[in-house]
Amino acid sequence: MANDAHRDGPPPFDRPFENEDTKQRVYGAILHAREPMTAAEIADQADCSEESARSYLSFYADLGIVVRHEGRPVRYERNDDYFEWRRVNELAQTNTVDELQVRVSELTDRIEEYRDKYGADSPSEVDVLEFDPAEIDDVYVDLGDWATAIEERRLHERARRKAAGPTAPSHS
C-alpha cells in the first residue's frame, strides 16, 4: 500500500527526475540550478556520465536554453531570458489582445491595492519588522504576491504588445 501511495505522489525530493531519460534529467538539473555549475556537477545531479551531460548541455546551449561560461572549468547555467521569451510567446499565442489587456488591468489593480495597503511603491520598500509579530507571516505572503503580480504584469504587457503587433502602445 505504501508503494502505491509513493507512486501516485511526487517523486522523492532528492531524485525528482529518476523516471526520466538522461536528456530530461540534464534539463531538470539545469532548471533547478541556482548558480552556474560544471558538467560534472550537473552529471551528478542528473545521475548520468559527465560526457552525456556535456553533450546535452552543448545541445541546450545551441538552443539558447543554457548559457555556457568559458573558463576552467566551463560552467553552465539556465538562460532566464530564454524562459521569459518562451513565457511571453506562450501568453501571446494562447490569449487575445483583449484578454491580455484585461489581465494587465487586473494585475495593475492588485498592485495598486498593495501600494495603498503598505504605503509603498514596491515590496522591497516595506520593512516587515515594523509589523506586529503575529502579522509577519501574512505580510510576507502579501509581499510575495505583490512581487509576483509586478512580474506577471510585465510579462503579460510584453505578450499584449507582441500579440497586438508593432503598432501597439506601451503601458509599462
N, C-alpha and C. Protein backbone atom coordinates (compact mmCIF):
# COMPACT_ATOMS: atom_id res chain seq x y z
N MET A 1 0.81 -1.20 0.00
CA MET A 1 0.00 0.00 0.00
C MET A 1 0.86 1.26 0.00
N ALA A 2 1.91 1.27 0.81
CA ALA A 2 2.80 2.43 0.85
C ALA A 2 3.45 2.67 -0.50
N ASN A 3 3.79 1.59 -1.22
CA ASN A 3 4.37 1.75 -2.55
C ASN A 3 3.41 2.40 -3.52
N ASP A 4 2.10 2.05 -3.41
CA ASP A 4 1.09 2.67 -4.28
C ASP A 4 0.98 4.16 -3.99
N ALA A 5 1.01 4.53 -2.72
CA ALA A 5 0.92 5.95 -2.35
C ALA A 5 2.13 6.69 -2.88
N HIS A 6 3.32 6.06 -2.79
CA HIS A 6 4.53 6.71 -3.28
C HIS A 6 4.46 6.91 -4.79
N ARG A 7 3.94 5.93 -5.51
CA ARG A 7 3.85 6.03 -6.97
C ARG A 7 2.91 7.14 -7.40
N ASP A 8 1.84 7.37 -6.64
CA ASP A 8 0.87 8.38 -7.00
C ASP A 8 1.30 9.79 -6.60
N GLY A 9 2.22 9.91 -5.69
CA GLY A 9 2.65 11.21 -5.22
C GLY A 9 3.84 11.72 -6.00
N PRO A 10 4.37 12.85 -5.56
CA PRO A 10 5.55 13.41 -6.22
C PRO A 10 6.77 12.54 -6.00
N PRO A 11 7.76 12.63 -6.88
CA PRO A 11 8.96 11.84 -6.68
C PRO A 11 9.71 12.33 -5.45
N PRO A 12 10.60 11.50 -4.92
CA PRO A 12 11.39 11.94 -3.77
C PRO A 12 12.17 13.21 -4.11
N PHE A 13 12.29 14.09 -3.14
CA PHE A 13 12.95 15.37 -3.37
C PHE A 13 14.38 15.21 -3.85
N ASP A 14 15.09 14.22 -3.34
CA ASP A 14 16.49 14.06 -3.69
C ASP A 14 16.68 13.44 -5.08
N ARG A 15 15.64 12.86 -5.70
CA ARG A 15 15.74 12.24 -7.02
C ARG A 15 14.49 12.59 -7.83
N PRO A 16 14.24 13.86 -8.09
CA PRO A 16 12.99 14.25 -8.74
C PRO A 16 12.86 13.80 -10.20
N PHE A 17 13.94 13.38 -10.85
CA PHE A 17 13.88 13.02 -12.27
C PHE A 17 14.23 11.56 -12.51
N GLU A 18 14.11 10.72 -11.49
CA GLU A 18 14.61 9.35 -11.61
C GLU A 18 13.91 8.54 -12.70
N ASN A 19 12.69 8.86 -13.08
CA ASN A 19 11.98 8.11 -14.11
C ASN A 19 12.12 8.75 -15.49
N GLU A 20 12.92 9.78 -15.64
CA GLU A 20 13.11 10.49 -16.89
C GLU A 20 14.34 9.94 -17.62
N ASP A 21 14.41 10.23 -18.92
CA ASP A 21 15.61 9.84 -19.66
C ASP A 21 16.73 10.84 -19.36
N THR A 22 17.93 10.53 -19.82
CA THR A 22 19.10 11.36 -19.50
C THR A 22 18.92 12.79 -19.96
N LYS A 23 18.41 12.98 -21.15
CA LYS A 23 18.19 14.33 -21.69
C LYS A 23 17.30 15.15 -20.75
N GLN A 24 16.22 14.56 -20.27
CA GLN A 24 15.31 15.25 -19.36
C GLN A 24 15.94 15.47 -17.99
N ARG A 25 16.74 14.53 -17.53
CA ARG A 25 17.39 14.70 -16.23
C ARG A 25 18.40 15.85 -16.27
N VAL A 26 19.15 15.96 -17.37
CA VAL A 26 20.10 17.08 -17.51
C VAL A 26 19.33 18.39 -17.57
N TYR A 27 18.25 18.40 -18.34
CA TYR A 27 17.40 19.60 -18.45
C TYR A 27 16.87 19.99 -17.06
N GLY A 28 16.37 19.03 -16.33
CA GLY A 28 15.86 19.30 -14.99
C GLY A 28 16.93 19.81 -14.05
N ALA A 29 18.11 19.24 -14.14
CA ALA A 29 19.20 19.69 -13.27
C ALA A 29 19.56 21.14 -13.54
N ILE A 30 19.62 21.51 -14.80
CA ILE A 30 19.98 22.89 -15.13
C ILE A 30 18.85 23.84 -14.74
N LEU A 31 17.61 23.40 -14.87
CA LEU A 31 16.49 24.25 -14.46
C LEU A 31 16.50 24.54 -12.96
N HIS A 32 16.93 23.57 -12.19
CA HIS A 32 16.93 23.72 -10.74
C HIS A 32 18.21 24.35 -10.19
N ALA A 33 19.19 24.55 -11.03
CA ALA A 33 20.46 25.13 -10.57
C ALA A 33 20.25 26.59 -10.17
N ARG A 34 20.82 26.96 -9.07
CA ARG A 34 20.70 28.34 -8.59
C ARG A 34 21.93 29.18 -8.95
N GLU A 35 22.95 28.53 -9.46
CA GLU A 35 24.17 29.23 -9.87
C GLU A 35 24.84 28.39 -10.95
N PRO A 36 25.78 28.97 -11.68
CA PRO A 36 26.47 28.20 -12.73
C PRO A 36 27.10 26.94 -12.15
N MET A 37 27.01 25.84 -12.91
CA MET A 37 27.52 24.55 -12.45
C MET A 37 28.42 23.95 -13.53
N THR A 38 29.34 23.11 -13.10
CA THR A 38 30.19 22.38 -14.05
C THR A 38 29.40 21.21 -14.63
N ALA A 39 29.91 20.66 -15.73
CA ALA A 39 29.28 19.48 -16.32
C ALA A 39 29.28 18.33 -15.32
N ALA A 40 30.35 18.21 -14.53
CA ALA A 40 30.43 17.15 -13.53
C ALA A 40 29.34 17.31 -12.47
N GLU A 41 29.11 18.53 -12.03
CA GLU A 41 28.06 18.77 -11.02
C GLU A 41 26.68 18.47 -11.59
N ILE A 42 26.46 18.87 -12.83
CA ILE A 42 25.18 18.60 -13.48
C ILE A 42 25.02 17.10 -13.69
N ALA A 43 26.09 16.43 -14.11
CA ALA A 43 26.04 14.97 -14.29
C ALA A 43 25.67 14.28 -12.98
N ASP A 44 26.24 14.77 -11.89
CA ASP A 44 25.93 14.20 -10.58
C ASP A 44 24.45 14.38 -10.26
N GLN A 45 23.93 15.58 -10.48
CA GLN A 45 22.51 15.87 -10.22
C GLN A 45 21.61 15.04 -11.13
N ALA A 46 22.03 14.86 -12.39
CA ALA A 46 21.22 14.15 -13.39
C ALA A 46 21.45 12.65 -13.38
N ASP A 47 22.36 12.20 -12.55
CA ASP A 47 22.68 10.77 -12.46
C ASP A 47 23.03 10.20 -13.83
N CYS A 48 24.03 10.84 -14.46
CA CYS A 48 24.49 10.37 -15.77
C CYS A 48 25.99 10.60 -15.86
N SER A 49 26.58 10.17 -16.97
CA SER A 49 28.01 10.38 -17.14
C SER A 49 28.28 11.86 -17.45
N GLU A 50 29.48 12.28 -17.15
CA GLU A 50 29.87 13.65 -17.44
C GLU A 50 29.83 13.91 -18.94
N GLU A 51 30.22 12.93 -19.74
CA GLU A 51 30.20 13.07 -21.20
C GLU A 51 28.76 13.26 -21.71
N SER A 52 27.82 12.50 -21.18
CA SER A 52 26.41 12.67 -21.57
C SER A 52 25.92 14.06 -21.18
N ALA A 53 26.26 14.49 -19.98
CA ALA A 53 25.85 15.82 -19.53
C ALA A 53 26.42 16.88 -20.46
N ARG A 54 27.72 16.78 -20.79
CA ARG A 54 28.35 17.75 -21.70
C ARG A 54 27.65 17.78 -23.05
N SER A 55 27.32 16.62 -23.57
CA SER A 55 26.66 16.53 -24.87
C SER A 55 25.30 17.25 -24.85
N TYR A 56 24.51 16.97 -23.84
CA TYR A 56 23.19 17.62 -23.75
C TYR A 56 23.32 19.10 -23.41
N LEU A 57 24.29 19.45 -22.60
CA LEU A 57 24.49 20.87 -22.28
C LEU A 57 24.88 21.65 -23.53
N SER A 58 25.69 21.06 -24.37
CA SER A 58 26.06 21.69 -25.63
C SER A 58 24.82 21.89 -26.51
N PHE A 59 23.98 20.87 -26.57
CA PHE A 59 22.73 20.94 -27.33
C PHE A 59 21.85 22.05 -26.78
N TYR A 60 21.68 22.10 -25.46
CA TYR A 60 20.85 23.14 -24.84
C TYR A 60 21.46 24.52 -25.01
N ALA A 61 22.78 24.61 -25.01
CA ALA A 61 23.43 25.91 -25.23
C ALA A 61 23.17 26.38 -26.66
N ASP A 62 23.22 25.47 -27.64
CA ASP A 62 22.92 25.83 -29.02
C ASP A 62 21.49 26.34 -29.18
N LEU A 63 20.57 25.81 -28.39
CA LEU A 63 19.18 26.25 -28.44
C LEU A 63 18.93 27.54 -27.66
N GLY A 64 19.90 27.95 -26.85
CA GLY A 64 19.73 29.16 -26.05
C GLY A 64 19.11 28.91 -24.68
N ILE A 65 18.89 27.66 -24.34
CA ILE A 65 18.29 27.30 -23.06
C ILE A 65 19.31 27.44 -21.93
N VAL A 66 20.57 27.20 -22.27
CA VAL A 66 21.67 27.21 -21.30
C VAL A 66 22.71 28.22 -21.76
N VAL A 67 23.30 28.90 -20.80
CA VAL A 67 24.41 29.81 -21.07
C VAL A 67 25.69 29.08 -20.66
N ARG A 68 26.65 29.05 -21.58
CA ARG A 68 27.95 28.41 -21.30
C ARG A 68 28.94 29.51 -20.92
N HIS A 69 29.58 29.35 -19.77
CA HIS A 69 30.58 30.29 -19.29
C HIS A 69 31.95 29.64 -19.46
N GLU A 70 32.75 30.22 -20.34
CA GLU A 70 34.09 29.68 -20.59
C GLU A 70 34.95 29.84 -19.35
N GLY A 71 35.90 28.99 -19.21
CA GLY A 71 36.83 29.04 -18.08
C GLY A 71 37.27 27.63 -17.75
N ARG A 72 38.01 27.54 -16.67
CA ARG A 72 38.46 26.24 -16.21
C ARG A 72 37.94 26.03 -14.81
N PRO A 73 36.94 25.26 -14.61
CA PRO A 73 36.20 24.50 -15.61
C PRO A 73 35.09 25.35 -16.25
N VAL A 74 34.61 24.89 -17.39
CA VAL A 74 33.46 25.50 -18.04
C VAL A 74 32.26 25.32 -17.11
N ARG A 75 31.44 26.35 -17.01
CA ARG A 75 30.24 26.27 -16.18
C ARG A 75 29.02 26.57 -17.04
N TYR A 76 27.89 26.06 -16.61
CA TYR A 76 26.64 26.22 -17.34
C TYR A 76 25.57 26.73 -16.38
N GLU A 77 24.68 27.55 -16.93
CA GLU A 77 23.55 28.00 -16.13
C GLU A 77 22.32 28.17 -17.00
N ARG A 78 21.19 28.13 -16.36
CA ARG A 78 19.91 28.32 -17.04
C ARG A 78 19.88 29.73 -17.64
N ASN A 79 19.37 29.86 -18.86
CA ASN A 79 19.23 31.16 -19.51
C ASN A 79 17.83 31.68 -19.21
N ASP A 80 17.72 32.50 -18.17
CA ASP A 80 16.41 33.01 -17.77
C ASP A 80 15.75 33.83 -18.87
N ASP A 81 16.52 34.49 -19.70
CA ASP A 81 15.95 35.26 -20.81
C ASP A 81 15.20 34.35 -21.79
N TYR A 82 15.73 33.17 -22.02
CA TYR A 82 15.07 32.21 -22.91
C TYR A 82 13.70 31.83 -22.34
N PHE A 83 13.66 31.54 -21.05
CA PHE A 83 12.41 31.10 -20.45
C PHE A 83 11.39 32.24 -20.37
N GLU A 84 11.87 33.46 -20.20
CA GLU A 84 10.97 34.60 -20.24
C GLU A 84 10.41 34.77 -21.65
N TRP A 85 11.27 34.67 -22.66
CA TRP A 85 10.84 34.78 -24.05
C TRP A 85 9.77 33.72 -24.35
N ARG A 86 10.03 32.49 -23.88
CA ARG A 86 9.08 31.40 -24.09
C ARG A 86 7.74 31.68 -23.44
N ARG A 87 7.76 32.19 -22.22
CA ARG A 87 6.53 32.52 -21.48
C ARG A 87 5.75 33.61 -22.19
N VAL A 88 6.44 34.64 -22.66
CA VAL A 88 5.78 35.74 -23.37
C VAL A 88 5.14 35.21 -24.65
N ASN A 89 5.86 34.41 -25.40
CA ASN A 89 5.31 33.84 -26.63
C ASN A 89 4.09 32.97 -26.35
N GLU A 90 4.17 32.17 -25.31
CA GLU A 90 3.04 31.31 -24.95
C GLU A 90 1.81 32.15 -24.60
N LEU A 91 2.02 33.19 -23.80
CA LEU A 91 0.91 34.07 -23.45
C LEU A 91 0.31 34.74 -24.69
N ALA A 92 1.18 35.20 -25.59
CA ALA A 92 0.71 35.88 -26.81
C ALA A 92 -0.05 34.94 -27.73
N GLN A 93 0.34 33.68 -27.74
CA GLN A 93 -0.31 32.71 -28.63
C GLN A 93 -1.60 32.14 -28.06
N THR A 94 -1.73 32.11 -26.75
CA THR A 94 -2.90 31.47 -26.14
C THR A 94 -3.94 32.45 -25.64
N ASN A 95 -3.69 33.75 -25.81
CA ASN A 95 -4.63 34.78 -25.36
C ASN A 95 -4.83 35.81 -26.45
N THR A 96 -6.00 36.42 -26.45
CA THR A 96 -6.25 37.53 -27.37
C THR A 96 -5.65 38.79 -26.76
N VAL A 97 -5.52 39.81 -27.57
CA VAL A 97 -5.02 41.10 -27.08
C VAL A 97 -5.93 41.61 -25.97
N ASP A 98 -7.23 41.47 -26.16
CA ASP A 98 -8.17 41.94 -25.13
C ASP A 98 -8.03 41.16 -23.82
N GLU A 99 -7.85 39.84 -23.91
CA GLU A 99 -7.65 39.03 -22.70
C GLU A 99 -6.38 39.44 -21.97
N LEU A 100 -5.34 39.70 -22.73
CA LEU A 100 -4.08 40.13 -22.11
C LEU A 100 -4.24 41.50 -21.47
N GLN A 101 -4.98 42.39 -22.11
CA GLN A 101 -5.20 43.73 -21.56
C GLN A 101 -6.00 43.64 -20.27
N VAL A 102 -7.00 42.78 -20.25
CA VAL A 102 -7.80 42.59 -19.03
C VAL A 102 -6.90 42.10 -17.91
N ARG A 103 -6.03 41.15 -18.21
CA ARG A 103 -5.13 40.61 -17.18
C ARG A 103 -4.16 41.67 -16.69
N VAL A 104 -3.63 42.48 -17.60
CA VAL A 104 -2.74 43.58 -17.20
C VAL A 104 -3.49 44.53 -16.26
N SER A 105 -4.73 44.83 -16.59
CA SER A 105 -5.53 45.73 -15.75
C SER A 105 -5.79 45.12 -14.37
N GLU A 106 -6.13 43.82 -14.34
CA GLU A 106 -6.36 43.15 -13.06
C GLU A 106 -5.10 43.17 -12.19
N LEU A 107 -3.98 42.88 -12.80
CA LEU A 107 -2.72 42.88 -12.06
C LEU A 107 -2.36 44.28 -11.59
N THR A 108 -2.62 45.27 -12.42
CA THR A 108 -2.36 46.67 -12.03
C THR A 108 -3.22 47.04 -10.83
N ASP A 109 -4.48 46.64 -10.83
CA ASP A 109 -5.36 46.92 -9.69
C ASP A 109 -4.83 46.26 -8.42
N ARG A 110 -4.38 45.00 -8.54
CA ARG A 110 -3.85 44.31 -7.37
C ARG A 110 -2.59 44.99 -6.86
N ILE A 111 -1.74 45.42 -7.76
CA ILE A 111 -0.50 46.13 -7.37
C ILE A 111 -0.85 47.42 -6.65
N GLU A 112 -1.82 48.15 -7.17
CA GLU A 112 -2.24 49.42 -6.54
C GLU A 112 -2.82 49.17 -5.14
N GLU A 113 -3.56 48.07 -4.98
CA GLU A 113 -4.10 47.74 -3.66
C GLU A 113 -2.97 47.52 -2.65
N TYR A 114 -1.93 46.81 -3.07
CA TYR A 114 -0.79 46.59 -2.19
C TYR A 114 -0.06 47.91 -1.90
N ARG A 115 0.08 48.75 -2.90
CA ARG A 115 0.73 50.05 -2.67
C ARG A 115 -0.03 50.85 -1.63
N ASP A 116 -1.35 50.86 -1.76
CA ASP A 116 -2.18 51.59 -0.79
C ASP A 116 -2.11 50.94 0.60
N LYS A 117 -2.20 49.63 0.64
CA LYS A 117 -2.20 48.91 1.91
C LYS A 117 -0.91 49.14 2.69
N TYR A 118 0.23 49.14 1.99
CA TYR A 118 1.52 49.24 2.67
C TYR A 118 2.16 50.62 2.56
N GLY A 119 1.53 51.55 1.85
CA GLY A 119 2.08 52.90 1.74
C GLY A 119 3.46 52.91 1.12
N ALA A 120 3.68 52.05 0.13
CA ALA A 120 4.98 51.93 -0.52
C ALA A 120 4.77 51.66 -2.00
N ASP A 121 5.79 51.98 -2.79
CA ASP A 121 5.70 51.76 -4.23
C ASP A 121 6.09 50.36 -4.66
N SER A 122 6.82 49.63 -3.82
CA SER A 122 7.23 48.28 -4.18
C SER A 122 7.39 47.44 -2.91
N PRO A 123 7.36 46.13 -3.06
CA PRO A 123 7.53 45.27 -1.88
C PRO A 123 8.86 45.48 -1.17
N SER A 124 9.89 45.83 -1.92
CA SER A 124 11.22 46.00 -1.31
C SER A 124 11.29 47.20 -0.37
N GLU A 125 10.33 48.09 -0.47
CA GLU A 125 10.31 49.28 0.40
C GLU A 125 9.62 49.01 1.75
N VAL A 126 9.00 47.85 1.89
CA VAL A 126 8.26 47.53 3.11
C VAL A 126 9.20 46.91 4.13
N ASP A 127 9.21 47.47 5.33
CA ASP A 127 10.02 46.93 6.43
C ASP A 127 9.13 46.00 7.25
N VAL A 128 9.32 44.73 7.08
CA VAL A 128 8.49 43.72 7.73
C VAL A 128 8.60 43.81 9.25
N LEU A 129 9.74 44.24 9.75
CA LEU A 129 9.94 44.30 11.19
C LEU A 129 9.09 45.39 11.86
N GLU A 130 8.48 46.26 11.08
CA GLU A 130 7.60 47.28 11.66
C GLU A 130 6.22 46.72 12.03
N PHE A 131 5.95 45.49 11.65
CA PHE A 131 4.64 44.90 11.89
C PHE A 131 4.64 44.05 13.14
N ASP A 132 3.46 43.87 13.69
CA ASP A 132 3.27 43.00 14.84
C ASP A 132 3.75 41.60 14.47
N PRO A 133 4.47 40.93 15.36
CA PRO A 133 4.98 39.59 15.04
C PRO A 133 3.89 38.61 14.58
N ALA A 134 2.68 38.77 15.07
CA ALA A 134 1.59 37.88 14.67
C ALA A 134 1.18 38.10 13.21
N GLU A 135 1.52 39.26 12.64
CA GLU A 135 1.14 39.58 11.26
C GLU A 135 2.24 39.31 10.24
N ILE A 136 3.45 39.05 10.71
CA ILE A 136 4.60 38.98 9.81
C ILE A 136 4.42 37.93 8.71
N ASP A 137 3.90 36.76 9.04
CA ASP A 137 3.72 35.73 8.01
C ASP A 137 2.77 36.23 6.92
N ASP A 138 1.69 36.88 7.31
CA ASP A 138 0.75 37.42 6.33
C ASP A 138 1.38 38.51 5.48
N VAL A 139 2.22 39.33 6.10
CA VAL A 139 2.92 40.38 5.35
C VAL A 139 3.84 39.76 4.32
N TYR A 140 4.58 38.73 4.71
CA TYR A 140 5.47 38.06 3.75
C TYR A 140 4.68 37.46 2.59
N VAL A 141 3.53 36.89 2.87
CA VAL A 141 2.68 36.34 1.80
C VAL A 141 2.25 37.47 0.86
N ASP A 142 1.81 38.58 1.44
CA ASP A 142 1.40 39.73 0.62
C ASP A 142 2.56 40.24 -0.24
N LEU A 143 3.74 40.36 0.36
CA LEU A 143 4.89 40.88 -0.38
C LEU A 143 5.28 39.94 -1.53
N GLY A 144 5.19 38.65 -1.30
CA GLY A 144 5.46 37.68 -2.36
C GLY A 144 4.44 37.78 -3.47
N ASP A 145 3.18 37.89 -3.11
CA ASP A 145 2.11 38.02 -4.10
C ASP A 145 2.26 39.33 -4.88
N TRP A 146 2.62 40.39 -4.19
CA TRP A 146 2.82 41.69 -4.82
C TRP A 146 3.95 41.62 -5.84
N ALA A 147 5.07 41.04 -5.44
CA ALA A 147 6.21 40.91 -6.36
C ALA A 147 5.84 40.04 -7.56
N THR A 148 5.10 38.98 -7.32
CA THR A 148 4.65 38.12 -8.42
C THR A 148 3.73 38.88 -9.35
N ALA A 149 2.81 39.67 -8.80
CA ALA A 149 1.90 40.46 -9.63
C ALA A 149 2.66 41.46 -10.50
N ILE A 150 3.70 42.06 -9.97
CA ILE A 150 4.52 43.01 -10.74
C ILE A 150 5.18 42.29 -11.91
N GLU A 151 5.75 41.12 -11.65
CA GLU A 151 6.43 40.36 -12.70
C GLU A 151 5.42 39.84 -13.73
N GLU A 152 4.30 39.33 -13.28
CA GLU A 152 3.28 38.83 -14.20
C GLU A 152 2.72 39.95 -15.07
N ARG A 153 2.54 41.12 -14.48
CA ARG A 153 2.05 42.26 -15.28
C ARG A 153 3.05 42.60 -16.37
N ARG A 154 4.32 42.60 -16.02
CA ARG A 154 5.35 42.90 -17.02
C ARG A 154 5.32 41.89 -18.16
N LEU A 155 5.21 40.61 -17.84
CA LEU A 155 5.18 39.58 -18.86
C LEU A 155 3.90 39.65 -19.70
N HIS A 156 2.77 39.88 -19.06
CA HIS A 156 1.51 39.99 -19.80
C HIS A 156 1.51 41.23 -20.70
N GLU A 157 2.11 42.31 -20.23
CA GLU A 157 2.19 43.51 -21.08
C GLU A 157 3.08 43.26 -22.28
N ARG A 158 4.19 42.58 -22.08
CA ARG A 158 5.05 42.22 -23.22
C ARG A 158 4.30 41.34 -24.20
N ALA A 159 3.54 40.39 -23.69
CA ALA A 159 2.76 39.50 -24.56
C ALA A 159 1.67 40.28 -25.28
N ARG A 160 1.04 41.22 -24.59
CA ARG A 160 0.00 42.03 -25.22
C ARG A 160 0.57 42.82 -26.38
N ARG A 161 1.72 43.44 -26.16
CA ARG A 161 2.37 44.20 -27.23
C ARG A 161 2.76 43.29 -28.39
N LYS A 162 3.24 42.11 -28.08
CA LYS A 162 3.62 41.16 -29.12
C LYS A 162 2.40 40.73 -29.92
N ALA A 163 1.31 40.42 -29.22
CA ALA A 163 0.09 39.97 -29.89
C ALA A 163 -0.56 41.08 -30.72
N ALA A 164 -0.41 42.31 -30.25
CA ALA A 164 -1.02 43.44 -30.95
C ALA A 164 -0.22 43.86 -32.17
N GLY A 165 1.04 43.48 -32.22
CA GLY A 165 1.87 43.85 -33.37
C GLY A 165 2.73 45.07 -33.07
N PRO A 166 3.49 45.50 -34.08
CA PRO A 166 4.46 46.57 -33.87
C PRO A 166 3.87 47.94 -33.59
N THR A 167 2.58 48.13 -33.80
CA THR A 167 1.99 49.46 -33.59
C THR A 167 1.32 49.59 -32.23
N ALA A 168 1.45 48.56 -31.39
CA ALA A 168 0.78 48.57 -30.09
C ALA A 168 1.43 49.60 -29.16
N PRO A 169 0.60 50.39 -28.46
CA PRO A 169 1.15 51.33 -27.48
C PRO A 169 1.64 50.59 -26.25
N SER A 170 2.59 51.15 -25.56
CA SER A 170 3.13 50.53 -24.36
C SER A 170 2.49 51.16 -23.13
N HIS A 171 2.11 50.32 -22.16
CA HIS A 171 1.55 50.80 -20.89
C HIS A 171 2.35 50.24 -19.74
N SER A 172 3.64 50.40 -19.74
CA SER A 172 4.51 49.80 -18.72
C SER A 172 4.31 50.41 -17.39
